[in-house]
Protein backbone atom coordinates (compact mmCIF):
# COMPACT_ATOMS: atom_id res chain seq x y z
CA MET A 1 25.46 -145.44 67.77
CA ILE A 2 22.30 -147.22 69.15
CA ASN A 3 21.68 -146.21 72.96
CA GLU A 4 19.72 -150.57 73.70
CA THR A 5 22.63 -152.01 76.06
CA THR A 6 21.91 -154.19 78.76
CA LYS A 7 23.24 -154.13 82.20
CA THR A 8 26.51 -156.60 82.00
CA GLN A 9 27.55 -153.83 78.99
CA ARG A 10 27.24 -150.75 81.06
CA ILE A 11 28.84 -152.54 84.26
CA LEU A 12 31.60 -153.16 81.58
CA MET A 13 31.94 -149.79 80.15
CA ALA A 14 31.47 -147.96 83.68
CA VAL A 15 34.92 -150.38 84.60
CA VAL A 16 36.72 -149.33 81.56
CA ALA A 17 35.82 -145.84 82.20
CA VAL A 18 37.05 -145.86 85.75
CA ILE A 19 40.77 -147.99 85.19
CA GLY A 20 40.67 -146.42 81.92
CA GLY A 21 40.65 -142.83 83.78
CA LEU A 22 42.90 -143.91 86.13
CA TYR A 23 45.38 -145.02 83.90
CA LEU A 24 45.39 -142.12 81.74
CA MET A 25 45.98 -140.14 84.78
CA LEU A 26 48.46 -141.89 87.07
CA TRP A 27 50.65 -144.24 84.79
CA ALA A 28 49.99 -142.76 80.66
CA PRO A 29 52.03 -139.38 81.44
CA THR A 30 54.89 -141.00 82.58
CA GLN A 31 55.22 -143.71 80.41
CA SER A 32 55.16 -140.91 77.91
CA MET A 33 57.26 -138.84 79.20
CA ILE A 34 59.98 -141.37 79.20
CA THR A 35 59.56 -142.25 75.93
CA LEU A 36 60.08 -138.42 74.79
CA LYS A 37 63.25 -138.08 77.24
CA THR A 38 64.80 -141.08 75.54
CA SER A 39 63.84 -140.08 72.05
CA LEU A 40 65.26 -136.23 72.52
CA ASP A 41 68.18 -138.14 73.69
CA GLN A 42 68.69 -140.01 70.96
CA VAL A 43 68.30 -137.11 68.62
CA LEU A 44 70.58 -134.61 70.46
CA LEU A 45 73.55 -137.30 70.40
CA ARG A 46 73.66 -139.20 68.01
CA LEU A 47 71.47 -137.82 65.14
CA VAL A 48 71.81 -133.74 65.12
CA PRO A 49 75.85 -133.93 65.05
CA HIS A 50 75.63 -135.77 61.35
CA ASP A 51 72.60 -134.11 60.81
CA ALA A 52 71.74 -130.90 61.05
CA ASP A 53 67.76 -131.62 60.13
CA PHE A 54 66.89 -133.70 62.81
CA TYR A 55 67.49 -130.52 65.61
CA PRO A 56 63.68 -129.03 64.57
CA ALA A 57 62.24 -132.42 65.87
CA VAL A 58 63.47 -131.27 69.32
CA PRO A 59 60.76 -128.38 69.50
CA VAL A 60 58.25 -130.15 68.02
CA LEU A 61 57.91 -133.35 69.75
CA SER A 62 58.64 -131.34 72.86
CA VAL A 63 55.86 -129.74 72.03
CA THR A 64 53.57 -132.00 70.69
CA PHE A 65 54.23 -134.83 73.62
CA SER A 66 53.67 -132.15 75.97
CA ALA A 67 50.36 -131.16 74.64
CA TRP A 68 49.55 -135.10 74.42
CA ILE A 69 50.16 -135.75 77.93
CA ILE A 70 48.60 -133.00 79.32
CA ALA A 71 45.40 -133.88 77.40
CA PHE A 72 45.81 -137.78 78.39
CA VAL A 73 45.39 -136.40 81.90
CA PHE A 74 42.43 -134.15 81.19
CA ALA A 75 40.56 -137.24 79.34
CA GLY A 76 41.18 -139.69 82.26
CA ALA A 77 39.66 -136.86 84.76
CA PHE A 78 36.48 -136.75 82.90
CA LEU A 79 36.45 -140.60 81.98
CA LEU A 80 36.09 -141.22 86.25
CA MET A 81 33.52 -138.41 86.33
CA LEU A 82 31.80 -140.15 83.40
CA ALA A 83 31.79 -143.84 85.18
CA LYS A 84 28.24 -143.12 87.03
CA LYS A 85 26.79 -142.05 83.84
CA LEU A 86 28.11 -144.97 81.70
CA TYR A 87 26.45 -147.22 84.58
CA GLU A 88 23.14 -145.32 84.27
CA GLY A 89 22.75 -145.96 80.51
CA VAL A 90 23.36 -142.53 78.99
CA LYS A 91 23.86 -141.95 75.22
CA TRP A 92 26.10 -138.79 75.40
CA ALA A 93 28.05 -140.20 78.11
CA ARG A 94 28.89 -142.98 75.76
CA ALA A 95 29.58 -141.18 72.67
CA ALA A 96 32.60 -138.19 74.90
CA ALA A 97 33.95 -141.75 76.40
CA LEU A 98 34.86 -143.03 72.75
CA ALA A 99 36.05 -139.62 72.38
CA MET A 100 38.28 -139.48 75.53
CA PHE A 101 39.51 -143.10 74.82
CA ALA A 102 40.37 -141.97 71.19
CA ILE A 103 42.62 -139.17 72.07
CA PRO A 104 45.16 -141.44 74.01
CA SER A 105 44.58 -143.97 71.14
CA VAL A 106 45.33 -141.72 68.18
CA GLY A 107 48.45 -139.94 70.92
CA GLY A 108 49.79 -143.38 71.81
CA MET A 109 50.09 -143.49 68.00
CA THR A 110 51.67 -140.43 67.33
CA MET A 111 54.57 -140.77 70.12
CA LEU A 112 54.96 -144.36 68.77
CA ILE A 113 56.33 -143.73 65.54
CA PRO A 114 58.93 -141.18 66.39
CA TRP A 115 60.82 -144.40 68.34
CA PHE A 116 61.16 -146.14 64.96
CA VAL A 117 62.54 -143.14 63.23
CA LEU A 118 64.44 -141.60 65.87
CA VAL A 119 65.76 -143.97 68.01
CA LEU A 120 65.64 -147.18 66.28
CA ALA A 121 66.11 -146.39 62.64
CA GLU A 122 70.17 -146.60 61.02
CA TYR A 123 71.45 -143.85 58.80
CA PRO A 124 74.93 -144.63 57.98
CA GLU A 125 75.03 -142.77 54.95
CA LYS A 126 74.58 -139.88 57.25
CA GLY A 127 77.61 -141.32 59.31
CA VAL A 128 75.48 -141.63 62.21
CA PRO A 129 76.40 -144.25 64.78
CA PRO A 130 74.65 -147.07 65.29
CA HIS A 131 72.04 -147.28 67.69
CA THR A 132 71.99 -148.25 70.99
CA ILE A 133 68.37 -148.41 72.47
CA SER A 134 66.26 -151.62 71.00
CA GLY A 135 63.00 -152.24 72.11
CA MET A 136 59.42 -151.00 71.93
CA PRO A 137 59.14 -147.69 73.68
CA PRO A 138 56.57 -147.08 76.89
CA VAL A 139 53.67 -145.51 75.29
CA MET A 140 53.02 -148.65 73.69
CA PHE A 141 51.16 -149.40 76.24
CA VAL A 142 49.20 -145.94 75.66
CA LEU A 143 48.19 -147.00 72.91
CA PHE A 144 47.13 -150.69 72.98
CA ILE A 145 45.02 -150.25 76.02
CA ASN A 146 43.46 -147.32 75.26
CA LEU A 147 42.62 -149.16 72.02
CA LEU A 148 41.28 -151.83 73.58
CA PHE A 149 39.06 -149.77 75.87
CA TYR A 150 37.99 -147.28 72.66
CA PHE A 151 36.78 -150.93 71.12
CA ILE A 152 34.91 -151.99 74.08
CA ILE A 153 32.77 -148.48 74.45
CA LEU A 154 32.15 -148.54 70.56
CA PHE A 155 30.66 -152.34 70.32
CA SER A 156 28.68 -151.96 73.95
CA ASP A 157 25.39 -152.36 72.58
CA MET A 158 22.93 -154.70 71.40
CA ASP A 159 23.14 -153.68 67.69
CA THR A 160 23.46 -156.49 65.06
CA LEU A 161 26.37 -158.22 64.38
CA LYS A 162 26.35 -156.98 61.20
CA ASN A 163 26.22 -153.02 62.17
CA LYS A 164 28.93 -153.53 64.44
CA ALA A 165 30.97 -154.75 61.06
CA LEU A 166 29.93 -152.26 59.51
CA LYS A 167 30.89 -149.33 61.87
CA LEU A 168 34.38 -151.18 62.70
CA PHE A 169 35.52 -149.36 59.33
CA PRO A 170 34.71 -145.39 59.94
CA TYR A 171 34.96 -145.50 63.91
CA THR A 172 38.07 -147.03 63.35
CA GLY A 173 39.55 -145.26 60.22
CA LEU A 174 39.03 -142.11 61.47
CA GLY A 175 41.60 -142.87 64.48
CA ILE A 176 44.58 -144.17 62.26
CA VAL A 177 43.58 -141.05 59.62
CA SER A 178 43.72 -138.27 62.39
CA GLY A 179 47.25 -140.35 63.50
CA MET A 180 48.49 -140.29 60.53
CA VAL A 181 48.02 -137.17 59.55
CA PHE A 182 49.45 -135.74 62.68
CA MET A 183 52.51 -137.64 62.14
CA ASN A 184 53.04 -136.26 58.96
CA ALA A 185 51.81 -132.80 60.61
CA GLN A 186 55.22 -133.53 62.63
CA HIS A 187 56.77 -133.75 59.20
CA GLY A 188 56.52 -130.91 57.53
CA VAL A 189 56.45 -128.66 60.37
CA ARG A 190 59.57 -130.01 61.33
CA TYR A 191 61.12 -128.80 57.65
CA PHE A 192 58.81 -125.50 57.59
CA ILE A 193 61.15 -124.18 60.81
CA HIS A 194 63.94 -125.51 60.28
CA ILE A 195 66.41 -122.57 59.34
CA PRO A 196 69.54 -123.94 57.52
CA GLY A 197 71.88 -120.92 58.23
CA GLU A 198 71.88 -121.62 61.65
CA PHE A 199 74.49 -124.93 61.77
CA ILE A 200 77.63 -125.39 60.34
CA THR A 201 79.76 -128.60 59.78
CA GLY A 202 83.08 -128.23 61.86
CA ALA A 203 86.40 -129.49 60.34
CA ASP A 204 85.85 -132.84 62.44
CA GLY A 205 82.89 -133.20 59.94
CA LEU A 206 80.54 -132.96 63.07
CA VAL A 207 77.49 -130.34 62.85
CA ALA A 208 77.94 -127.03 65.64
CA ALA A 209 75.78 -123.97 66.16
CA ASN A 210 76.76 -121.51 63.37
CA PRO A 211 79.14 -118.49 65.40
CA THR A 212 77.54 -115.96 62.51
CA PRO A 213 74.22 -116.81 61.97
CA PRO A 214 71.65 -115.25 58.84
CA PRO A 215 71.10 -111.58 60.86
CA PHE A 216 67.44 -111.45 61.79
CA THR A 217 66.97 -108.87 58.80
CA SER A 218 68.07 -111.65 56.26
CA ALA A 219 65.24 -113.31 54.37
CA LEU A 220 67.38 -116.73 55.04
CA ALA A 221 66.87 -116.29 58.73
CA HIS A 222 63.11 -116.46 58.25
CA TYR A 223 61.05 -119.68 57.61
CA ILE A 224 58.60 -118.30 55.11
CA THR A 225 61.07 -116.71 52.63
CA ASN A 226 64.68 -119.03 53.22
CA LEU A 227 63.34 -121.53 50.48
CA ASP A 228 63.39 -118.59 47.61
CA HIS A 229 67.11 -118.53 48.25
CA LEU A 230 68.03 -122.35 49.12
CA ASP A 231 67.46 -125.57 47.13
CA TRP A 232 65.31 -127.15 49.30
CA ARG A 233 67.06 -130.79 49.29
CA THR A 234 70.34 -129.58 50.04
CA PHE A 235 69.76 -126.08 51.65
CA ASP A 236 72.61 -124.98 49.25
CA MET A 237 72.30 -121.43 48.28
CA VAL A 238 71.18 -120.93 44.69
CA SER A 239 70.08 -117.39 44.01
CA ASP A 240 70.61 -114.20 46.13
CA GLN A 241 67.23 -113.00 44.48
CA ALA A 242 64.08 -114.59 45.81
CA VAL A 243 62.88 -116.91 43.29
CA TYR A 244 59.37 -118.00 44.76
CA SER A 245 59.46 -121.81 45.88
CA PRO A 246 56.30 -123.73 46.36
CA GLN A 247 57.76 -126.01 49.47
CA THR A 248 57.09 -123.03 51.74
CA LEU A 249 53.16 -123.38 51.24
CA ALA A 250 53.33 -127.76 51.06
CA LEU A 251 54.97 -127.21 54.62
CA LEU A 252 52.77 -124.61 55.71
CA LEU A 253 49.51 -126.63 55.27
CA GLY A 254 51.35 -130.21 55.23
CA GLY A 255 52.57 -129.31 58.78
CA PHE A 256 49.77 -126.66 60.54
CA LEU A 257 46.54 -127.45 58.61
CA LEU A 258 47.30 -131.36 59.10
CA TYR A 259 47.31 -130.76 63.29
CA ILE A 260 44.10 -128.71 63.11
CA ALA A 261 42.79 -131.83 60.76
CA SER A 262 43.50 -134.96 62.98
CA VAL A 263 41.85 -132.59 66.18
CA LEU A 264 38.73 -132.23 64.13
CA LEU A 265 38.63 -135.55 62.97
CA ILE A 266 39.18 -137.02 66.96
CA ILE A 267 35.94 -134.06 67.50
CA SER A 268 34.34 -135.41 65.05
CA ILE A 269 33.94 -138.86 66.61
CA PRO A 270 31.29 -138.39 69.57
CA MET A 271 29.36 -135.97 67.21
CA LEU A 272 29.14 -139.05 64.44
CA ALA A 273 28.18 -141.35 68.13
CA MET A 274 25.17 -139.28 68.94
CA LYS A 275 24.90 -139.11 64.91
CA ASN A 276 24.84 -135.29 64.54
CA LYS A 277 24.73 -133.99 61.14
CA ALA A 278 27.85 -131.36 61.71
CA GLY A 279 30.06 -134.32 62.74
CA TRP A 280 29.62 -135.82 59.25
CA TYR A 281 30.31 -132.77 57.86
CA LEU A 282 32.90 -131.71 59.93
CA ALA A 283 34.61 -135.69 59.21
CA THR A 284 34.33 -135.31 55.61
CA SER A 285 35.38 -132.03 54.86
CA ALA A 286 38.33 -132.60 57.16
CA THR A 287 39.35 -135.34 55.34
CA LEU A 288 38.73 -133.89 52.04
CA ALA A 289 41.42 -130.93 53.15
CA THR A 290 43.74 -134.00 54.28
CA VAL A 291 43.58 -135.40 50.79
CA VAL A 292 44.24 -132.33 48.55
CA VAL A 293 47.25 -131.38 50.57
CA SER A 294 48.74 -135.01 51.33
CA PHE A 295 48.91 -135.26 47.70
CA GLN A 296 50.25 -131.80 47.18
CA GLY A 297 52.90 -132.34 49.63
CA PHE A 298 53.68 -135.57 47.72
CA ILE A 299 53.44 -133.79 44.37
CA VAL A 300 56.08 -130.92 45.36
CA ARG A 301 58.69 -133.01 47.99
CA SER A 302 58.23 -136.44 46.53
CA SER A 303 57.32 -137.76 49.84
CA THR A 304 56.01 -140.83 50.28
CA GLU A 305 54.65 -140.42 53.63
CA TRP A 306 52.08 -137.75 52.58
CA LEU A 307 51.04 -140.37 49.84
CA GLN A 308 50.07 -142.71 52.27
CA GLY A 309 48.60 -139.89 53.98
CA GLY A 310 46.57 -139.08 51.10
CA ILE A 311 45.57 -142.71 49.86
CA LEU A 312 44.09 -143.16 53.76
CA SER A 313 42.24 -140.01 53.92
CA ALA A 314 41.01 -140.87 50.15
CA GLY A 315 39.87 -144.33 51.52
CA LEU A 316 38.30 -143.27 54.63
CA LEU A 317 36.57 -139.93 52.90
CA ALA A 318 34.57 -142.44 50.08
CA ILE A 319 34.17 -144.65 53.23
CA LEU A 320 32.13 -142.05 54.83
CA LEU A 321 30.27 -141.32 51.72
CA ILE A 322 28.95 -144.83 50.76
CA PRO A 323 25.18 -144.91 51.97
CA ALA A 324 25.76 -148.27 53.95
CA PHE A 325 28.76 -146.64 56.62
CA LYS A 326 27.08 -143.29 56.04
CA ASN A 327 23.36 -144.51 57.21
CA LEU A 328 24.96 -145.74 60.75
CA LEU A 329 26.66 -142.31 61.53
CA ILE A 330 23.59 -139.64 60.75
CA GLU A 331 20.15 -139.53 61.35
CA LYS A 332 18.02 -139.51 57.93
CA GLY A 333 16.64 -136.59 56.89
CA GLU A 334 16.90 -133.25 57.84
CA ARG A 335 14.72 -130.54 59.70
CA PRO A 336 14.14 -127.39 57.70
CA SER A 337 15.11 -124.31 59.24
CA ASP A 338 12.96 -121.94 60.77
CA LEU A 339 14.74 -118.86 59.20
CA SER A 340 14.56 -120.37 55.52
CA CYS A 341 11.00 -121.18 55.70
CA GLU A 342 8.69 -119.64 53.67
CA VAL A 343 5.51 -121.27 53.10
CA GLY A 344 4.05 -124.58 54.75
CA CYS A 345 7.13 -124.37 57.56
CA ASP A 346 4.87 -125.08 60.39
CA ALA A 347 2.93 -127.83 58.73
CA LEU A 348 6.94 -129.47 57.77
CA SER A 349 7.92 -128.96 61.36
CA LYS A 350 4.90 -130.86 62.68
CA ASN A 351 6.23 -133.79 61.28
CA TYR A 352 9.54 -133.77 62.87
CA LEU A 353 7.75 -133.28 66.37
């Protein structure tokens, strides 16, 4: 981003920081918690009794939604503290504000999608009763309000319309891919931590806790080894002897690695706003990793969610590599390192001073 702004733009950014900060501290956490509790109620009451595969969503959503809620409060506090610096036109403050609004934008996206999967979706083939809740979740406001503020911060400068149109693609793509891979990570971790032996189907056809689960010394009781003995689709026992299953690695990388990649993409946003080369390398590296892991997950598990994530990640990687976009994100040229110079280092360095 360029740092040339008008007084009106600086006032607008300061006002947005105050409003957004108060919203994230006072209202967004409640809207998010209501969404979480409603989703978990539906999982436990409507889905789990008919399909034990849904149970791991309870700890996964409990931890990740709680982490987002905590992050919202910190982001809101930071925005309130940044308001004065935004009015003064400090460049780093604008980059930081962009990151603070990116957090709830991505978080709101990742908290919105489970509503469709767990609350509104129908699963008649599993015997799941029809949903009893309709409409959109309260967290929808967290997504769209902060997305609006994100773009206000992004475009509040005196850059040309052409450059503003160009930077729309990478800065939007970073948020979309961060949110998409985080949601795919939820899917991966959900199946990674699932221990089928902890559940049984009773005489009434409903799922219940297994009174005699696999002992802790059994390979079936551990998430790293259990799939070497089970059919990964039905979870039926297929072999007493361990037979290497690529599912475990696909779920590990398609879960925890994608969590990390999502966070790194958010971190890269303010760095790119400051035209820091490290930010560009961070974004491209994280995106490349998500491309490889997402397509691997699709090949191993035939998962369309990971295919979609791989395609979106590949699109973002292409955008970051195209010179027209790359030149907007980082400064041209690189200063030689003092540690690597042998001859002419002083002369070269003077050219940058």
